Amino acid sequence: MSTSLAASSAARPWQFPGWGVAVLVLLGTAVLGGSLGGLARLGFVIACGGVGWYAWRQGPAAHLQAALMLFAFAPFVRRMVDIAAGFDQLGLMLIGPLVAILIPAIHLPRLLGQREERAAWLWPLGIVAACVVYAGLLSLAQADWTNAASGPLKWLAPLLYAAVLMLSADRSALLEAAASAFRIILPVTGLYAIYQYVDPPEWDRYWMEFAPILSIGQPVPYGVRSFSTMNAPAVYASFTATGLLLIAFSKRPWPAMLLSLPAVLGFLLSMYRTAWISLAVGILFCLVFAQTRRRAGMILLGIAVAVVLAATLTPFGDVVAERLSSLGEGTKDGSAQERLEEFMTLWNLPDSSLFGSGFTITDVGSAGAMPIDGMIITCWVSMGIVVGGVCLAALLWAIGNAVGAALSDRTTEAVIVGALALGALAQLPLANITSGESGFLFWTFAVLLAPKRPEEGAA
């Protein structure tokens, strides 16, 4: 078989790491962005493309680390630029990480030809991609050029990137590389999340006043639902949950887990119960397998102790305890009632949104607009009942592939992927898991790093 990109990169001499270049771009933009004004936004997007090209030359693992850095800190840098240059409604700088992960997609046609056996795993992706194109065409038919471009970009970039990783890289190397990146990311984002909750900085308060996110809290001390360096509490909590799980089952977990204790508290301060459930489901899945049972039990005990300490010994313990207690309310919970109302609203429409409206969806910050929560509602509204149903079926197929591979392979790496896939399944009815940063997490970690089938052999 042909030599993989990961193997070929191993023979190259040492270079400045791709994630280091990503950090330099982020720091440089944060420091100089205010003086450059609006030009900093376009410059950042171009620089992210350069990071993607440079890191990919070092191999898929190096590129994944750089991509994680960009996704974790680009929203923070965007806010630093916005407070100096004015609020950017389009969020142009958030395109930067998507451009970085699109760079490797140019290799996809060649990789498909080299790995014909593993290409069978790509069927769910192809179906989802076709559904996304359909939704994009619907927006295009309404002359909504912005959403016709941004919607497919946010959905397709993570999907194509994960396909390239699956075809070109070793799963174990990618998981360990991601864990190494999260060892740096989680302590930083966790400490910042705590600081943000206690006393939100000026740039965060400025952004919160303009961003149409109703569930983010108030820009006052102890009033924020922590989103740390990212763009929303949901994204921050999902990144933290994924990082904690990867670090916990990495080769050197304990020093990193101790350093990540602030991330656990920041995770709680996000108040995002969907990610809490997702992490719990992943850990419980790991308890089923002998290879991961002992460590999963210790992690579950450690998190339980951390939650109790946070709820009893911190000045914001009452808020955390109240949010945790709401998990037992079921359909009586306000968020659950809102989601049920969304289903009823759609079902009672004259055509029940038979054909969909594309990515042209009314801003949830607008008065009277129905919120869009979860993949079921998102696919229904964007693609209609029929095409949206096909898209959902493909997502379930992809998740099933990862879980099924874990059940048959039973290696530690396979179990981790299965745990992340089941965690994504728990989020699917409640959150959009396939677009932008969330899509990057879903496709890269929860689905496409599935183990090789026995008949494929070594690459």
Protein backbone atom coordinates (compact mmCIF):
# COMPACT_ATOMS: atom_id res chain seq x y z
CA MET A 1 0.00 0.00 0.00
CA SER A 2 1.05 3.61 -0.35
CA THR A 3 2.90 5.34 2.45
CA SER A 4 0.64 7.57 4.57
CA LEU A 5 1.25 11.26 5.04
CA ALA A 6 1.78 10.63 8.74
CA ALA A 7 4.59 8.17 8.05
CA SER A 8 6.26 10.33 5.43
CA SER A 9 6.32 13.33 7.75
CA ALA A 10 8.12 11.35 10.46
CA ALA A 11 11.31 11.23 8.41
CA ARG A 12 11.57 15.01 8.08
CA PRO A 13 13.97 17.00 10.27
CA TRP A 14 12.64 18.99 13.23
CA GLN A 15 10.63 22.09 12.39
CA PHE A 16 8.92 24.71 14.50
CA PRO A 17 5.65 22.97 15.44
CA GLY A 18 2.48 23.87 13.60
CA TRP A 19 0.60 24.54 16.85
CA GLY A 20 3.37 27.01 17.78
CA VAL A 21 2.79 28.91 14.53
CA ALA A 22 -0.92 28.96 15.34
CA VAL A 23 -0.18 30.43 18.77
CA LEU A 24 2.03 33.11 17.22
CA VAL A 25 -0.74 34.09 14.78
CA LEU A 26 -3.27 34.27 17.62
CA LEU A 27 -0.99 36.34 19.88
CA GLY A 28 0.09 38.62 17.05
CA THR A 29 -3.50 39.35 16.03
CA ALA A 30 -4.58 39.92 19.63
CA VAL A 31 -1.75 42.41 20.22
CA LEU A 32 -1.72 44.20 16.86
CA GLY A 33 -5.35 43.76 15.83
CA GLY A 34 -6.50 46.94 17.54
CA SER A 35 -4.03 49.12 15.64
CA LEU A 36 -4.76 47.42 12.31
CA GLY A 37 -8.52 47.81 12.64
CA GLY A 38 -10.71 45.98 10.16
CA LEU A 39 -7.68 44.82 8.15
CA ALA A 40 -6.79 42.52 11.04
CA ARG A 41 -9.83 40.39 10.28
CA LEU A 42 -8.91 39.60 6.71
CA GLY A 43 -5.25 39.24 7.67
CA PHE A 44 -6.19 36.71 10.35
CA VAL A 45 -8.17 34.56 7.91
CA ILE A 46 -5.25 34.56 5.45
CA ALA A 47 -2.79 33.77 8.24
CA CYS A 48 -4.95 30.82 9.36
CA GLY A 49 -4.75 29.46 5.83
CA GLY A 50 -0.97 29.75 6.08
CA VAL A 51 -1.02 27.91 9.42
CA GLY A 52 -3.06 25.15 7.85
CA TRP A 53 -0.61 24.78 4.96
CA TYR A 54 2.47 24.86 7.22
CA ALA A 55 1.10 22.41 9.79
CA TRP A 56 -0.13 19.93 7.16
CA ARG A 57 3.40 19.70 5.76
CA GLN A 58 4.38 18.31 9.18
CA GLY A 59 1.69 15.65 9.08
CA PRO A 60 -1.95 15.11 10.11
CA ALA A 61 -1.18 14.96 13.84
CA ALA A 62 0.62 18.30 13.78
CA HIS A 63 -2.20 19.83 11.76
CA LEU A 64 -4.83 18.59 14.20
CA GLN A 65 -2.98 20.24 17.09
CA ALA A 66 -2.80 23.54 15.21
CA ALA A 67 -6.50 23.34 14.31
CA LEU A 68 -7.44 22.78 17.96
CA MET A 69 -5.47 25.86 18.97
CA LEU A 70 -7.18 27.99 16.33
CA PHE A 71 -10.69 26.83 17.17
CA ALA A 72 -10.12 27.24 20.92
CA PHE A 73 -8.76 30.80 20.83
CA ALA A 74 -9.92 32.47 17.59
CA PRO A 75 -13.21 33.72 19.17
CA PHE A 76 -11.23 35.36 21.98
CA VAL A 77 -8.95 37.12 19.48
CA ARG A 78 -12.03 38.17 17.52
CA ARG A 79 -13.41 39.90 20.62
CA MET A 80 -10.10 41.68 21.18
CA VAL A 81 -10.25 43.05 17.65
CA ASP A 82 -13.96 43.90 17.86
CA ILE A 83 -13.58 46.10 20.92
CA ALA A 84 -11.02 48.21 19.03
CA ALA A 85 -12.47 48.10 15.50
CA GLY A 86 -16.19 47.75 16.22
CA PHE A 87 -18.48 44.74 16.43
CA ASP A 88 -18.36 42.52 13.34
CA GLN A 89 -21.85 41.11 12.80
CA LEU A 90 -20.59 38.55 10.27
CA GLY A 91 -17.82 37.23 12.53
CA LEU A 92 -15.33 37.11 9.65
CA MET A 93 -12.43 36.02 11.85
CA LEU A 94 -14.26 32.83 12.83
CA ILE A 95 -13.82 31.67 9.24
CA GLY A 96 -10.05 31.45 9.87
CA PRO A 97 -10.02 28.03 11.57
CA LEU A 98 -12.39 26.65 8.91
CA VAL A 99 -9.99 27.83 6.19
CA ALA A 100 -7.14 26.11 8.05
CA ILE A 101 -8.89 22.74 8.04
CA LEU A 102 -9.96 23.10 4.41
CA ILE A 103 -6.33 23.18 3.24
CA PRO A 104 -5.85 19.38 3.52
CA ALA A 105 -9.04 18.74 1.52
CA ILE A 106 -7.08 19.19 -1.71
CA HIS A 107 -5.57 15.76 -1.02
CA LEU A 108 -8.96 14.02 -0.68
CA PRO A 109 -9.35 12.81 -4.31
CA ARG A 110 -5.90 11.17 -4.27
CA LEU A 111 -6.50 9.60 -0.86
CA LEU A 112 -9.80 8.13 -1.97
CA GLY A 113 -8.03 6.37 -4.81
CA GLN A 114 -5.34 4.99 -2.51
CA ARG A 115 -7.70 3.74 0.20
CA GLU A 116 -10.58 2.21 -1.73
CA GLU A 117 -11.46 -0.22 1.10
CA ARG A 118 -11.72 2.43 3.81
CA ALA A 119 -13.63 4.72 1.46
CA ALA A 120 -16.70 2.63 2.29
CA TRP A 121 -16.75 4.39 5.66
CA LEU A 122 -17.38 7.65 3.82
CA TRP A 123 -20.91 6.83 2.66
CA PRO A 124 -22.59 8.63 5.59
CA LEU A 125 -20.43 11.68 4.87
CA GLY A 126 -21.39 11.69 1.23
CA ILE A 127 -25.08 11.60 2.13
CA VAL A 128 -24.73 14.44 4.66
CA ALA A 129 -22.72 16.46 2.14
CA ALA A 130 -25.44 16.05 -0.49
CA CYS A 131 -28.07 17.22 2.01
CA VAL A 132 -25.94 20.25 2.88
CA VAL A 133 -25.61 21.16 -0.78
CA TYR A 134 -29.40 20.93 -1.10
CA ALA A 135 -29.88 23.33 1.83
CA GLY A 136 -27.31 25.69 0.33
CA LEU A 137 -29.18 25.71 -2.98
CA LEU A 138 -32.39 26.60 -1.12
CA SER A 139 -30.68 29.66 0.35
CA LEU A 140 -29.23 30.49 -3.04
CA ALA A 141 -32.70 30.34 -4.58
CA GLN A 142 -33.77 33.01 -2.07
CA ALA A 143 -30.84 35.21 -3.13
CA ASP A 144 -29.44 34.95 0.40
CA TRP A 145 -25.81 34.95 -0.72
CA THR A 146 -24.32 35.21 2.77
CA ASN A 147 -26.05 32.15 4.21
CA ALA A 148 -25.70 30.26 0.93
CA ALA A 149 -21.94 30.59 1.36
CA SER A 150 -21.48 30.44 5.16
CA GLY A 151 -23.88 27.56 5.82
CA PRO A 152 -22.21 24.99 3.53
CA LEU A 153 -18.76 26.20 4.63
CA LYS A 154 -19.53 25.60 8.31
CA TRP A 155 -21.01 22.16 7.61
CA LEU A 156 -18.67 20.87 4.90
CA ALA A 157 -15.26 22.05 6.12
CA PRO A 158 -15.24 19.82 9.26
CA LEU A 159 -16.69 16.92 7.29
CA LEU A 160 -14.05 17.06 4.54
CA TYR A 161 -11.26 17.52 7.06
CA ALA A 162 -12.27 14.46 9.07
CA ALA A 163 -12.47 12.41 5.87
CA VAL A 164 -8.88 13.37 5.02
CA LEU A 165 -7.72 12.45 8.53
CA MET A 166 -9.42 9.08 8.40
CA LEU A 167 -7.80 8.22 5.08
CA SER A 168 -4.32 9.58 5.76
CA ALA A 169 -3.47 9.18 9.43
CA ASP A 170 -3.14 6.71 12.28
CA ARG A 171 -5.92 6.89 14.84
CA SER A 172 -3.69 6.37 17.89
CA ALA A 173 -1.29 9.10 16.81
CA LEU A 174 -4.13 11.55 16.25
CA LEU A 175 -5.77 10.85 19.61
CA GLU A 176 -2.46 11.29 21.45
CA ALA A 177 -1.70 14.47 19.50
CA ALA A 178 -5.12 15.87 20.39
CA ALA A 179 -4.62 14.98 24.06
CA SER A 180 -1.28 16.82 24.00
CA ALA A 181 -2.96 19.92 22.60
CA PHE A 182 -5.72 19.78 25.21
CA ARG A 183 -3.08 19.61 27.97
CA ILE A 184 -2.26 23.19 27.01
CA ILE A 185 -5.76 24.36 26.05
CA LEU A 186 -7.79 23.18 29.04
CA PRO A 187 -5.82 24.83 31.89
CA VAL A 188 -5.84 28.14 30.00
CA THR A 189 -9.51 28.08 29.03
CA GLY A 190 -10.52 26.78 32.47
CA LEU A 191 -8.77 29.58 34.38
CA TYR A 192 -10.14 32.16 31.97
CA ALA A 193 -13.67 30.76 32.37
CA ILE A 194 -13.47 31.23 36.14
CA TYR A 195 -12.11 34.76 35.77
CA GLN A 196 -14.78 35.54 33.20
CA TYR A 197 -17.54 34.40 35.56
CA VAL A 198 -16.24 36.38 38.52
CA ASP A 199 -15.41 39.57 36.62
CA PRO A 200 -16.01 39.49 32.83
CA PRO A 201 -13.35 41.55 30.96
CA GLU A 202 -14.28 44.58 28.94
CA TRP A 203 -14.04 42.82 25.56
CA ASP A 204 -16.33 40.02 26.72
CA ARG A 205 -18.91 42.45 28.06
CA TYR A 206 -18.79 44.43 24.82
CA TRP A 207 -19.33 41.29 22.75
CA MET A 208 -22.19 40.05 24.96
CA GLU A 209 -24.06 43.32 24.45
CA PHE A 210 -24.16 42.79 20.68
CA ALA A 211 -24.15 39.00 20.20
CA PRO A 212 -27.66 37.57 19.64
CA ILE A 213 -27.21 34.69 22.11
CA LEU A 214 -30.04 34.75 24.61
CA SER A 215 -28.74 31.97 26.87
CA ILE A 216 -25.31 33.41 27.60
CA GLY A 217 -26.30 35.31 30.74
CA GLN A 218 -25.68 38.94 31.66
CA PRO A 219 -22.38 40.87 31.25
CA VAL A 220 -22.00 41.40 34.99
CA PRO A 221 -19.96 39.64 37.70
CA TYR A 222 -21.48 36.25 38.61
CA GLY A 223 -24.06 36.67 35.85
CA VAL A 224 -22.22 35.10 32.91
CA ARG A 225 -22.61 31.54 31.72
CA SER A 226 -18.91 30.98 31.11
CA PHE A 227 -17.89 30.63 27.48
CA SER A 228 -14.18 31.20 28.19
CA THR A 229 -12.14 31.93 25.06
CA MET A 230 -14.77 30.46 22.78
CA ASN A 231 -17.95 31.69 21.14
CA ALA A 232 -20.71 30.26 23.35
CA PRO A 233 -21.17 28.24 26.56
CA ALA A 234 -22.24 25.21 24.50
CA VAL A 235 -19.09 25.19 22.35
CA TYR A 236 -16.78 25.78 25.31
CA ALA A 237 -18.41 23.01 27.35
CA SER A 238 -18.31 20.57 24.42
CA PHE A 239 -14.62 21.27 23.80
CA THR A 240 -13.88 20.81 27.50
CA ALA A 241 -15.80 17.54 27.71
CA THR A 242 -13.93 16.16 24.70
CA GLY A 243 -10.57 17.32 26.03
CA LEU A 244 -11.15 15.87 29.49
CA LEU A 245 -12.05 12.48 28.05
CA LEU A 246 -9.05 12.42 25.72
CA ILE A 247 -6.61 13.47 28.45
CA ALA A 248 -8.07 10.99 30.94
CA PHE A 249 -7.33 8.03 28.68
CA SER A 250 -4.03 9.31 27.25
CA LYS A 251 -0.64 7.77 28.03
CA ARG A 252 0.27 10.30 30.76
CA PRO A 253 -3.04 11.40 32.26
CA TRP A 254 -2.52 12.30 35.90
CA PRO A 255 -0.29 15.42 35.80
CA ALA A 256 -2.45 16.79 33.00
CA MET A 257 -5.67 15.99 34.87
CA LEU A 258 -4.41 17.89 37.92
CA LEU A 259 -3.57 20.89 35.75
CA SER A 260 -7.01 20.61 34.17
CA LEU A 261 -8.90 20.95 37.47
CA PRO A 262 -9.78 24.60 36.64
CA ALA A 263 -11.32 23.26 33.42
CA VAL A 264 -13.69 21.09 35.45
CA LEU A 265 -14.88 24.14 37.38
CA GLY A 266 -15.13 26.18 34.19
CA PHE A 267 -17.07 23.29 32.68
CA LEU A 268 -19.60 23.55 35.50
CA LEU A 269 -19.77 27.35 35.21
CA SER A 270 -20.83 27.02 31.56
CA MET A 271 -24.14 25.74 32.99
CA TYR A 272 -24.48 23.68 29.80
CA ARG A 273 -26.19 20.50 30.93
CA THR A 274 -26.13 18.88 27.49
CA ALA A 275 -22.33 18.63 27.61
CA TRP A 276 -22.51 17.36 31.20
CA ILE A 277 -24.77 14.55 30.02
CA SER A 278 -22.53 13.88 27.03
CA LEU A 279 -19.43 13.47 29.23
CA ALA A 280 -21.31 11.24 31.67
CA VAL A 281 -22.53 9.01 28.83
CA GLY A 282 -18.98 8.71 27.47
CA ILE A 283 -17.54 7.72 30.85
CA LEU A 284 -20.32 5.19 31.48
CA PHE A 285 -19.61 3.64 28.08
CA CYS A 286 -15.96 3.26 29.06
CA LEU A 287 -17.04 1.45 32.23
CA VAL A 288 -18.42 -1.37 30.08
CA PHE A 289 -15.01 -2.42 28.73
CA ALA A 290 -12.25 -4.10 30.71
CA GLN A 291 -9.55 -2.04 28.99
CA THR A 292 -10.98 1.26 30.24
CA ARG A 293 -13.09 0.29 33.26
CA ARG A 294 -10.59 1.03 36.01
CA ARG A 295 -9.58 4.44 34.75
CA ALA A 296 -13.18 5.37 33.92
CA GLY A 297 -14.24 4.51 37.48
CA MET A 298 -11.48 6.67 38.94
CA ILE A 299 -12.38 9.53 36.61
CA LEU A 300 -16.06 9.27 37.52
CA LEU A 301 -15.19 9.34 41.21
CA GLY A 302 -12.84 12.30 40.73
CA ILE A 303 -15.42 14.32 38.83
CA ALA A 304 -18.06 13.53 41.46
CA VAL A 305 -15.73 14.79 44.21
CA ALA A 306 -14.92 17.91 42.20
CA VAL A 307 -18.62 18.63 41.68
CA VAL A 308 -19.37 18.23 45.40
CA LEU A 309 -16.47 20.52 46.34
CA ALA A 310 -17.51 23.10 43.76
CA ALA A 311 -21.09 23.05 44.99
CA THR A 312 -20.19 23.36 48.67
CA LEU A 313 -16.90 25.29 48.97
CA THR A 314 -16.97 27.92 46.20
CA PRO A 315 -18.78 31.28 46.28
CA PHE A 316 -20.86 30.17 43.30
CA GLY A 317 -21.74 26.75 44.71
CA ASP A 318 -25.45 27.56 44.98
CA VAL A 319 -25.67 28.34 41.27
CA VAL A 320 -23.91 25.12 40.31
CA ALA A 321 -26.01 23.05 42.71
CA GLU A 322 -29.23 24.56 41.41
CA ARG A 323 -28.26 23.83 37.82
CA LEU A 324 -27.32 20.25 38.67
CA SER A 325 -30.60 19.69 40.47
CA SER A 326 -32.52 20.77 37.37
CA LEU A 327 -31.30 17.62 35.58
CA GLY A 328 -33.97 15.68 37.45
CA GLU A 329 -36.88 17.88 36.38
CA GLY A 330 -37.43 16.12 33.05
CA THR A 331 -40.11 17.69 30.86
CA LYS A 332 -40.93 20.19 33.63
CA ASP A 333 -37.66 21.96 32.92
CA GLY A 334 -37.99 25.23 30.99
CA SER A 335 -35.49 24.25 28.30
CA ALA A 336 -37.23 20.92 27.73
CA GLN A 337 -40.58 22.67 27.37
CA GLU A 338 -39.13 25.11 24.84
CA ARG A 339 -37.81 22.26 22.70
CA LEU A 340 -41.16 20.48 22.78
CA GLU A 341 -42.82 23.70 21.70
CA GLU A 342 -40.43 23.93 18.74
CA PHE A 343 -41.57 20.52 17.50
CA MET A 344 -45.22 21.49 17.89
CA THR A 345 -44.66 24.78 16.04
CA LEU A 346 -43.02 23.08 13.08
CA TRP A 347 -45.61 20.30 12.92
CA ASN A 348 -48.45 22.81 12.84
CA LEU A 349 -47.04 24.78 9.92
CA PRO A 350 -49.21 24.55 6.76
CA ASP A 351 -46.67 22.36 4.91
CA SER A 352 -44.82 21.15 8.04
CA SER A 353 -41.69 22.55 6.39
CA LEU A 354 -41.80 19.82 3.78
CA PHE A 355 -39.02 21.20 1.58
CA GLY A 356 -37.02 23.26 4.09
CA SER A 357 -35.81 26.86 4.05
CA GLY A 358 -32.09 26.25 3.60
CA PHE A 359 -29.63 28.04 5.83
CA THR A 360 -31.80 31.18 5.66
CA ILE A 361 -33.09 31.03 9.22
CA THR A 362 -34.38 34.00 11.17
CA ASP A 363 -31.94 35.26 13.78
CA VAL A 364 -32.92 33.81 17.17
CA GLY A 365 -32.19 37.19 18.70
CA SER A 366 -35.07 38.73 16.76
CA ALA A 367 -38.34 39.25 18.55
CA GLY A 368 -40.82 36.49 17.92
CA ALA A 369 -38.34 34.18 16.16
CA MET A 370 -38.47 30.51 17.07
CA PRO A 371 -35.15 29.22 18.47
CA ILE A 372 -33.43 26.40 16.60
CA ASP A 373 -32.16 23.75 19.02
CA GLY A 374 -30.87 20.30 18.23
CA MET A 375 -30.11 18.45 15.03
CA ILE A 376 -33.66 17.24 14.53
CA ILE A 377 -35.05 20.77 14.43
CA THR A 378 -32.05 22.09 12.48
CA CYS A 379 -32.33 19.46 9.73
CA TRP A 380 -36.13 19.78 9.63
CA VAL A 381 -36.05 23.55 9.21
CA SER A 382 -33.07 23.72 6.85
CA MET A 383 -33.74 20.69 4.66
CA GLY A 384 -37.36 19.77 5.17
CA ILE A 385 -38.88 16.56 6.49
CA VAL A 386 -37.67 14.25 3.71
CA VAL A 387 -34.11 15.46 3.05
CA GLY A 388 -33.64 16.36 6.72
CA GLY A 389 -34.71 12.86 7.70
CA VAL A 390 -32.13 11.40 5.30
CA CYS A 391 -29.45 13.64 6.81
CA LEU A 392 -30.34 12.52 10.33
CA ALA A 393 -30.26 8.88 9.25
CA ALA A 394 -26.77 9.38 7.83
CA LEU A 395 -25.61 10.99 11.09
CA LEU A 396 -26.94 8.03 13.06
CA TRP A 397 -25.25 5.68 10.59
CA ALA A 398 -21.91 7.42 11.16
CA ILE A 399 -22.32 7.26 14.94
CA GLY A 400 -23.34 3.61 14.69
CA ASN A 401 -20.19 2.84 12.70
CA ALA A 402 -18.01 4.27 15.47
CA VAL A 403 -19.87 2.53 18.29
CA GLY A 404 -19.95 -0.75 16.37
CA ALA A 405 -16.22 -0.53 15.71
CA ALA A 406 -15.61 -0.01 19.43
CA LEU A 407 -17.66 -3.10 20.26
CA SER A 408 -15.74 -5.24 17.78
CA ASP A 409 -12.23 -3.79 18.21
CA ARG A 410 -12.25 -3.21 21.99
CA THR A 411 -8.88 -1.45 22.07
CA THR A 412 -8.58 1.60 24.30
CA GLU A 413 -8.53 3.94 21.29
CA ALA A 414 -11.63 2.32 19.80
CA VAL A 415 -13.50 2.58 23.09
CA ILE A 416 -12.64 6.29 23.39
CA VAL A 417 -14.00 6.94 19.91
CA GLY A 418 -17.14 4.98 20.73
CA ALA A 419 -17.56 6.95 23.96
CA LEU A 420 -17.27 10.26 22.09
CA ALA A 421 -19.73 9.01 19.48
CA LEU A 422 -22.31 8.07 22.11
CA GLY A 423 -21.76 11.43 23.80
CA ALA A 424 -22.50 13.10 20.48
CA LEU A 425 -25.64 10.98 20.17
CA ALA A 426 -26.78 12.27 23.56
CA GLN A 427 -26.32 15.84 22.31
CA LEU A 428 -27.95 15.29 18.92
CA PRO A 429 -31.56 16.07 19.96
CA LEU A 430 -30.47 19.09 22.01
CA ALA A 431 -27.65 20.84 20.11
CA ASN A 432 -26.30 21.45 16.63
CA ILE A 433 -23.29 19.13 16.50
CA THR A 434 -22.32 19.33 12.80
CA SER A 435 -21.63 23.01 12.13
CA GLY A 436 -18.50 25.07 12.75
CA GLU A 437 -16.54 24.29 15.91
CA SER A 438 -19.07 21.69 17.03
CA GLY A 439 -18.90 19.98 13.64
CA PHE A 440 -15.12 19.91 13.92
CA LEU A 441 -15.42 18.02 17.21
CA PHE A 442 -18.14 15.68 15.99
CA TRP A 443 -16.65 14.54 12.72
CA THR A 444 -13.02 14.44 13.85
CA PHE A 445 -13.34 12.72 17.21
CA ALA A 446 -16.76 11.11 17.49
CA VAL A 447 -17.06 9.44 14.12
CA LEU A 448 -14.27 9.24 11.61
CA LEU A 449 -11.39 8.08 13.77
CA ALA A 450 -12.99 4.66 13.77
CA PRO A 451 -10.60 1.68 13.83
CA LYS A 452 -9.53 -0.13 10.71
CA ARG A 453 -11.48 -3.17 9.76
CA PRO A 454 -9.55 -6.47 9.94
CA GLU A 455 -9.54 -7.04 6.19
CA GLU A 456 -7.80 -3.70 5.57
CA GLY A 457 -4.53 -4.57 7.29
CA ALA A 458 -1.87 -2.04 8.02
CA ALA A 459 -1.46 1.10 5.97
